[in-house]
Each structure stands twice: as C-alpha cells, then as structure tokens.
Amino acid sequence: MKRAIAILIFALLAVDAAAADTYRFGSQVISTGDSEGRLRQVAGKPDRETPIEARHGGLEGYRLEYYQRGKSIQIEVVDGRVRSITQIES
C-alpha cells in the first residue's frame, strides 16, 4: 500500500514538472512549445523585442515583451518556438 501511494505521488510530481508555461491573451492561450507565428497571431506585435545572445556570441533567439494591465509578459522564442513565459508584476 505504501508503495502504491509513493508511486502515485511521484507520478503527480512528474506531471506537474512537465506542465507547460501558459499565458492568456484575450480568449486564446499561448503555451511553451507553440510556434512564433502562433504567438504573433494571438498576441500581436510585441512592445519590445530583444535579441538573446548565445554563449559564443551568435543569435540564439528573441525575448518578446508585452505590457498588459500593469504587467510585463516576457516570452523567449528560440528556434521558432516559445521556450519560456515569464510574468513580471509592475
């Protein structure tokens, strides 16, 4: 019985760790793994776009920043896919 409970807890933790970051723009949701095209279609033109420099100086991707209702939403796009979504309260 203890083993079954331990397995269940481990499975729930693994599912939570695999959950994608998401942010809602109006009635549509953007998640990590979405394409840059979908992001721009749903969210529109970013308020700020900053290049992300790779470790050895090349271009790795972009950080797109959207300002909404007193928040800054920073979305990193690498290889044409959303890598991370960070919400910063102002």
C-alpha atoms as a PDB file:
ATOM      1  CA  MET A   1       0.000   0.000   0.000  1.00  0.00           C
ATOM      2  CA  LYS A   2       2.807   2.411   0.901  1.00  0.00           C
ATOM      3  CA  ARG A   3       4.495   1.629  -2.399  1.00  0.00           C
ATOM      4  CA  ALA A   4       1.312   2.434  -4.356  1.00  0.00           C
ATOM      5  CA  ILE A   5       0.993   5.781  -2.584  1.00  0.00           C
ATOM      6  CA  ALA A   6       4.647   6.598  -3.258  1.00  0.00           C
ATOM      7  CA  ILE A   7       4.231   5.773  -6.960  1.00  0.00           C
ATOM      8  CA  LEU A   8       1.097   7.925  -7.157  1.00  0.00           C
ATOM      9  CA  ILE A   9       2.853  10.879  -5.512  1.00  0.00           C
ATOM     10  CA  PHE A  10       5.849  10.505  -7.837  1.00  0.00           C
ATOM     11  CA  ALA A  11       3.570  10.370 -10.883  1.00  0.00           C
ATOM     12  CA  LEU A  12       1.735  13.531  -9.809  1.00  0.00           C
ATOM     13  CA  LEU A  13       5.008  15.373  -9.256  1.00  0.00           C
ATOM     14  CA  ALA A  14       6.286  14.283 -12.668  1.00  0.00           C
ATOM     15  CA  VAL A  15       3.107  15.519 -14.377  1.00  0.00           C
ATOM     16  CA  ASP A  16       3.347  18.877 -12.580  1.00  0.00           C
ATOM     17  CA  ALA A  17       7.005  19.293 -13.586  1.00  0.00           C
ATOM     18  CA  ALA A  18       6.129  18.640 -17.231  1.00  0.00           C
ATOM     19  CA  ALA A  19       3.332  21.226 -17.277  1.00  0.00           C
ATOM     20  CA  ALA A  20       3.954  23.987 -19.789  1.00  0.00           C
ATOM     21  CA  ASP A  21       4.032  27.687 -19.019  1.00  0.00           C
ATOM     22  CA  THR A  22       0.940  29.388 -20.376  1.00  0.00           C
ATOM     23  CA  TYR A  23      -0.454  32.901 -20.692  1.00  0.00           C
ATOM     24  CA  ARG A  24      -3.850  34.021 -21.893  1.00  0.00           C
ATOM     25  CA  PHE A  25      -4.158  36.829 -24.451  1.00  0.00           C
ATOM     26  CA  GLY A  26      -7.859  37.643 -24.615  1.00  0.00           C
ATOM     27  CA  SER A  27      -9.678  34.384 -25.238  1.00  0.00           C
ATOM     28  CA  GLN A  28      -6.639  32.471 -26.571  1.00  0.00           C
ATOM     29  CA  VAL A  29      -3.782  30.798 -24.729  1.00  0.00           C
ATOM     30  CA  ILE A  30      -0.089  30.669 -25.608  1.00  0.00           C
ATOM     31  CA  SER A  31       1.982  27.776 -24.224  1.00  0.00           C
ATOM     32  CA  THR A  32       5.630  26.796 -24.291  1.00  0.00           C
ATOM     33  CA  GLY A  33       6.273  24.876 -27.483  1.00  0.00           C
ATOM     34  CA  ASP A  34       3.885  26.994 -29.587  1.00  0.00           C
ATOM     35  CA  SER A  35       5.319  28.442 -32.786  1.00  0.00           C
ATOM     36  CA  GLU A  36       6.432  32.052 -33.071  1.00  0.00           C
ATOM     37  CA  GLY A  37       3.832  32.535 -35.805  1.00  0.00           C
ATOM     38  CA  ARG A  38       1.019  31.460 -33.497  1.00  0.00           C
ATOM     39  CA  LEU A  39       2.366  33.709 -30.738  1.00  0.00           C
ATOM     40  CA  ARG A  40       2.396  36.748 -33.028  1.00  0.00           C
ATOM     41  CA  GLN A  41      -1.032  35.870 -34.416  1.00  0.00           C
ATOM     42  CA  VAL A  42      -2.564  35.640 -30.930  1.00  0.00           C
ATOM     43  CA  ALA A  43      -0.588  38.338 -29.071  1.00  0.00           C
ATOM     44  CA  GLY A  44       0.152  40.744 -31.904  1.00  0.00           C
ATOM     45  CA  LYS A  45       3.230  42.897 -32.284  1.00  0.00           C
ATOM     46  CA  PRO A  46       5.395  42.927 -29.128  1.00  0.00           C
ATOM     47  CA  ASP A  47       6.006  46.191 -27.285  1.00  0.00           C
ATOM     48  CA  ARG A  48       9.694  45.340 -27.124  1.00  0.00           C
ATOM     49  CA  GLU A  49      11.899  42.789 -28.892  1.00  0.00           C
ATOM     50  CA  THR A  50      15.376  41.980 -27.592  1.00  0.00           C
ATOM     51  CA  PRO A  51      17.828  39.514 -29.148  1.00  0.00           C
ATOM     52  CA  ILE A  52      19.082  36.664 -26.945  1.00  0.00           C
ATOM     53  CA  GLU A  53      22.795  36.147 -27.442  1.00  0.00           C
ATOM     54  CA  ALA A  54      24.173  32.598 -27.474  1.00  0.00           C
ATOM     55  CA  ARG A  55      27.070  31.612 -25.250  1.00  0.00           C
ATOM     56  CA  HIS A  56      29.624  32.194 -28.032  1.00  0.00           C
ATOM     57  CA  GLY A  57      28.147  35.421 -29.363  1.00  0.00           C
ATOM     58  CA  GLY A  58      25.698  34.254 -32.022  1.00  0.00           C
ATOM     59  CA  LEU A  59      21.970  34.902 -32.084  1.00  0.00           C
ATOM     60  CA  GLU A  60      20.075  32.288 -30.056  1.00  0.00           C
ATOM     61  CA  GLY A  61      16.589  33.780 -30.266  1.00  0.00           C
ATOM     62  CA  TYR A  62      14.452  36.697 -29.115  1.00  0.00           C
ATOM     63  CA  ARG A  63      12.782  37.901 -25.936  1.00  0.00           C
ATOM     64  CA  LEU A  64       9.425  39.409 -26.832  1.00  0.00           C
ATOM     65  CA  GLU A  65       7.867  41.666 -24.219  1.00  0.00           C
ATOM     66  CA  TYR A  66       4.200  42.595 -23.960  1.00  0.00           C
ATOM     67  CA  TYR A  67       2.815  45.145 -21.474  1.00  0.00           C
ATOM     68  CA  GLN A  68      -0.693  44.339 -20.246  1.00  0.00           C
ATOM     69  CA  ARG A  69      -2.662  45.662 -17.273  1.00  0.00           C
ATOM     70  CA  GLY A  70       0.375  46.703 -15.231  1.00  0.00           C
ATOM     71  CA  LYS A  71       2.304  43.513 -16.022  1.00  0.00           C
ATOM     72  CA  SER A  72       5.238  42.720 -18.249  1.00  0.00           C
ATOM     73  CA  ILE A  73       4.923  39.397 -20.082  1.00  0.00           C
ATOM     74  CA  GLN A  74       8.321  38.208 -21.352  1.00  0.00           C
ATOM     75  CA  ILE A  75       8.293  35.385 -23.868  1.00  0.00           C
ATOM     76  CA  GLU A  76      11.513  33.789 -25.087  1.00  0.00           C
ATOM     77  CA  VAL A  77      11.439  32.416 -28.627  1.00  0.00           C
ATOM     78  CA  VAL A  78      14.259  30.075 -29.670  1.00  0.00           C
ATOM     79  CA  ASP A  79      14.368  28.117 -32.938  1.00  0.00           C
ATOM     80  CA  GLY A  80      10.921  29.462 -33.841  1.00  0.00           C
ATOM     81  CA  ARG A  81       9.255  28.046 -30.685  1.00  0.00           C
ATOM     82  CA  VAL A  82       8.178  29.570 -27.373  1.00  0.00           C
ATOM     83  CA  ARG A  83      10.783  28.424 -24.834  1.00  0.00           C
ATOM     84  CA  SER A  84       9.554  30.239 -21.732  1.00  0.00           C
ATOM     85  CA  ILE A  85       6.887  32.642 -20.497  1.00  0.00           C
ATOM     86  CA  THR A  86       7.584  34.933 -17.547  1.00  0.00           C
ATOM     87  CA  GLN A  87       5.090  37.313 -15.982  1.00  0.00           C
ATOM     88  CA  ILE A  88       6.501  40.266 -14.024  1.00  0.00           C
ATOM     89  CA  GLU A  89       4.265  42.453 -11.856  1.00  0.00           C
ATOM     90  CA  SER A  90       5.000  46.176 -12.152  1.00  0.00           C
END
